[in-house]
Amino acid sequence: MVKLNKIYTRAGDKGKTGLVSGKRVFKDNIRIKAYGTVDELNSILGILNTSAKSSLKKIISEIQNDLFDLGADLATPVEKKSKYKPLRVTSKQVTRIEKTIDKYNAKLAPLNSFVLPGGSQSAAFLHNARTVTRRAETQIVALAKKEEVNEEAIKYINRLSDLFFVLSRVENNNGKKDILWKPGKNV
């Protein structure tokens, strides 16, 4: 398992970092950007968990753990011959997210307009998480154009932004406090 004795190593002082395989790459590599954005998302969820309803805290904590799995997945290039079995996001994790979306979305009224980010504080954080999730997704897709990426990782991150949207509506009193877009309102 992970054991961190020393926090700084000086190994990255020349702008490179190590992947799980031991390979060193520049810190602006798309792979590093992808899992760095996943890490940023996880931090937003940590803030969110300080204000979310208790019913959502378990979901958010599960997602935070999944995001570490996703980071490990992205930090481990897909190799045909590997010395060990790498940690990968699985279809089970994707299915869990889909079931959670379905459960909470069933309680919400259909929308007739787009929802502006905001409402309650926790809904605003969920919208922030949704947009950072979309950025992570675009970076993961960009990586997948260059190198093989676990397709379940792409599915997971895609479903996750949908979940955050649904949960933002839940946090806004099941959509009653959603702020709806009024096209051309200020024209």
Protein backbone atom coordinates (compact mmCIF):
# COMPACT_ATOMS: atom_id res chain seq x y z
CA MET A 1 0.00 0.00 0.00
CA VAL A 2 0.98 3.64 -0.05
CA LYS A 3 3.55 4.77 2.49
CA LEU A 4 4.73 8.38 2.57
CA ASN A 5 7.64 9.05 4.87
CA LYS A 6 9.12 12.05 3.14
CA ILE A 7 6.97 14.72 1.51
CA TYR A 8 9.57 16.40 -0.68
CA THR A 9 12.08 14.43 -2.73
CA ARG A 10 13.56 17.06 -5.06
CA ALA A 11 12.96 14.59 -7.91
CA GLY A 12 10.67 17.08 -9.68
CA ASP A 13 12.95 20.08 -9.44
CA LYS A 14 13.77 19.93 -13.15
CA GLY A 15 10.13 19.89 -14.25
CA LYS A 16 9.60 16.14 -14.48
CA THR A 17 7.53 13.74 -12.42
CA GLY A 18 7.30 9.97 -12.20
CA LEU A 19 4.43 7.80 -13.37
CA VAL A 20 3.47 4.62 -11.52
CA SER A 21 5.57 2.65 -14.05
CA GLY A 22 8.64 4.66 -13.04
CA LYS A 23 8.79 6.50 -16.36
CA ARG A 24 9.56 10.21 -15.96
CA VAL A 25 7.59 12.78 -17.95
CA PHE A 26 7.38 16.57 -17.99
CA LYS A 27 4.85 18.03 -15.58
CA ASP A 28 2.96 19.70 -18.44
CA ASN A 29 2.29 16.31 -20.07
CA ILE A 30 -1.42 15.83 -20.86
CA ARG A 31 -1.47 12.74 -18.60
CA ILE A 32 -0.26 14.85 -15.66
CA LYS A 33 -2.78 17.59 -16.48
CA ALA A 34 -5.58 15.00 -16.60
CA TYR A 35 -4.93 13.45 -13.21
CA GLY A 36 -4.04 16.85 -11.77
CA THR A 37 -7.49 18.09 -12.74
CA VAL A 38 -9.00 14.98 -11.15
CA ASP A 39 -7.10 15.92 -7.99
CA GLU A 40 -8.47 19.48 -8.21
CA LEU A 41 -11.97 18.03 -8.49
CA ASN A 42 -11.39 15.90 -5.42
CA SER A 43 -10.42 19.03 -3.47
CA ILE A 44 -13.64 20.77 -4.50
CA LEU A 45 -15.56 17.74 -3.23
CA GLY A 46 -13.74 18.03 0.10
CA ILE A 47 -15.02 21.60 0.41
CA LEU A 48 -18.48 20.52 -0.74
CA ASN A 49 -18.65 17.82 1.91
CA THR A 50 -18.45 20.49 4.61
CA SER A 51 -21.82 21.96 3.54
CA ALA A 52 -23.70 19.15 1.75
CA LYS A 53 -26.76 17.47 3.22
CA SER A 54 -25.87 14.43 5.28
CA SER A 55 -27.64 12.19 2.75
CA LEU A 56 -25.09 13.22 0.10
CA LYS A 57 -21.96 12.99 2.25
CA LYS A 58 -21.70 9.22 1.71
CA ILE A 59 -22.01 9.64 -2.08
CA ILE A 60 -19.40 12.40 -2.13
CA SER A 61 -17.00 10.33 0.01
CA GLU A 62 -17.42 7.33 -2.33
CA ILE A 63 -16.69 9.57 -5.32
CA GLN A 64 -13.60 11.01 -3.63
CA ASN A 65 -12.26 7.49 -3.19
CA ASP A 66 -13.11 6.68 -6.82
CA LEU A 67 -11.23 9.80 -7.91
CA PHE A 68 -8.08 8.49 -6.26
CA ASP A 69 -8.65 5.24 -8.19
CA LEU A 70 -9.07 7.30 -11.37
CA GLY A 71 -5.88 9.24 -10.63
CA ALA A 72 -3.98 5.99 -10.12
CA ASP A 73 -5.49 4.65 -13.35
CA LEU A 74 -4.40 7.72 -15.29
CA ALA A 75 -0.94 7.72 -13.68
CA THR A 76 -0.41 4.16 -14.91
CA PRO A 77 -0.03 3.93 -18.69
CA VAL A 78 -1.75 0.93 -20.28
CA GLU A 79 0.95 -1.61 -21.08
CA LYS A 80 0.52 -4.99 -22.72
CA LYS A 81 3.10 -6.60 -20.46
CA SER A 82 2.98 -5.35 -16.91
CA LYS A 83 4.83 -6.65 -13.86
CA TYR A 84 1.74 -6.15 -11.71
CA LYS A 85 -2.01 -5.63 -12.06
CA PRO A 86 -2.62 -1.87 -12.13
CA LEU A 87 -5.57 -0.24 -10.37
CA ARG A 88 -8.21 0.60 -12.98
CA VAL A 89 -11.65 2.18 -12.82
CA THR A 90 -14.23 -0.57 -13.41
CA SER A 91 -17.66 -0.89 -14.96
CA LYS A 92 -18.99 -1.50 -11.44
CA GLN A 93 -18.03 2.05 -10.48
CA VAL A 94 -19.69 3.42 -13.63
CA THR A 95 -22.87 1.44 -12.91
CA ARG A 96 -22.96 2.72 -9.32
CA ILE A 97 -22.86 6.31 -10.61
CA GLU A 98 -25.63 5.57 -13.14
CA LYS A 99 -27.85 4.03 -10.45
CA THR A 100 -27.29 7.05 -8.21
CA ILE A 101 -28.22 9.41 -11.06
CA ASP A 102 -31.39 7.43 -11.74
CA LYS A 103 -32.37 7.32 -8.07
CA TYR A 104 -32.08 11.07 -7.51
CA ASN A 105 -33.26 12.21 -10.94
CA ALA A 106 -36.53 10.28 -10.50
CA LYS A 107 -37.51 12.74 -7.75
CA LEU A 108 -36.90 15.85 -9.88
CA ALA A 109 -39.35 17.67 -12.14
CA PRO A 110 -38.28 17.85 -15.81
CA LEU A 111 -36.56 21.07 -16.86
CA ASN A 112 -37.89 23.61 -19.36
CA SER A 113 -34.71 25.68 -19.30
CA PHE A 114 -31.03 25.40 -18.47
CA VAL A 115 -30.08 25.85 -14.82
CA LEU A 116 -27.71 28.66 -13.85
CA PRO A 117 -25.04 27.60 -11.36
CA GLY A 118 -26.06 28.65 -7.87
CA GLY A 119 -28.99 28.40 -5.53
CA SER A 120 -27.62 26.91 -2.32
CA GLN A 121 -23.94 26.93 -1.43
CA SER A 122 -23.64 23.17 -1.86
CA ALA A 123 -25.42 23.33 -5.25
CA ALA A 124 -22.94 26.00 -6.36
CA PHE A 125 -20.03 23.75 -5.33
CA LEU A 126 -21.64 20.86 -7.24
CA HIS A 127 -21.85 23.05 -10.36
CA ASN A 128 -18.19 23.95 -9.85
CA ALA A 129 -17.39 20.25 -9.53
CA ARG A 130 -19.40 19.57 -12.70
CA THR A 131 -17.39 22.06 -14.75
CA VAL A 132 -14.04 20.83 -13.43
CA THR A 133 -15.20 17.29 -14.21
CA ARG A 134 -15.86 18.36 -17.82
CA ARG A 135 -12.35 19.83 -18.02
CA ALA A 136 -10.87 16.60 -16.67
CA GLU A 137 -12.90 14.69 -19.24
CA THR A 138 -11.56 16.77 -22.13
CA GLN A 139 -8.01 16.19 -20.90
CA ILE A 140 -8.58 12.44 -20.55
CA VAL A 141 -10.03 12.32 -24.07
CA ALA A 142 -7.02 14.31 -25.37
CA LEU A 143 -4.76 11.76 -23.68
CA ALA A 144 -6.77 8.91 -25.25
CA LYS A 145 -6.09 10.39 -28.70
CA LYS A 146 -2.35 9.92 -28.07
CA GLU A 147 -2.19 6.83 -25.87
CA GLU A 148 -4.44 3.98 -24.83
CA VAL A 149 -6.69 4.87 -21.88
CA ASN A 150 -8.99 2.62 -19.89
CA GLU A 151 -12.42 3.19 -21.51
CA GLU A 152 -14.17 2.74 -18.15
CA ALA A 153 -12.24 5.78 -16.91
CA ILE A 154 -13.72 7.86 -19.73
CA LYS A 155 -17.23 6.52 -19.06
CA TYR A 156 -16.85 7.20 -15.33
CA ILE A 157 -15.80 10.83 -15.74
CA ASN A 158 -18.57 11.42 -18.30
CA ARG A 159 -21.27 10.06 -15.96
CA LEU A 160 -19.81 11.94 -13.01
CA SER A 161 -20.57 15.39 -14.44
CA ASP A 162 -24.18 14.27 -15.02
CA LEU A 163 -24.38 13.12 -11.41
CA PHE A 164 -23.12 16.46 -10.14
CA PHE A 165 -25.80 18.25 -12.17
CA VAL A 166 -28.54 16.04 -10.72
CA LEU A 167 -27.19 16.40 -7.18
CA SER A 168 -27.02 20.19 -7.57
CA ARG A 169 -30.77 20.15 -8.23
CA VAL A 170 -31.29 17.88 -5.21
CA GLU A 171 -29.34 20.33 -3.06
CA ASN A 172 -31.56 23.12 -4.40
CA ASN A 173 -34.59 21.66 -2.61
CA ASN A 174 -35.15 19.05 -5.34
CA GLY A 175 -35.05 21.73 -8.03
CA LYS A 176 -37.43 24.17 -6.33
CA LYS A 177 -34.58 26.63 -5.71
CA ASP A 178 -32.92 26.16 -9.11
CA ILE A 179 -32.16 29.43 -10.87
CA LEU A 180 -33.34 29.01 -14.46
CA TRP A 181 -31.78 30.68 -17.48
CA LYS A 182 -34.02 33.25 -19.13
CA PRO A 183 -32.76 33.55 -22.71
CA GLY A 184 -32.30 37.17 -23.79
CA LYS A 185 -33.38 38.53 -20.39
CA ASN A 186 -30.88 41.41 -20.48
CA VAL A 187 -30.92 42.16 -24.21
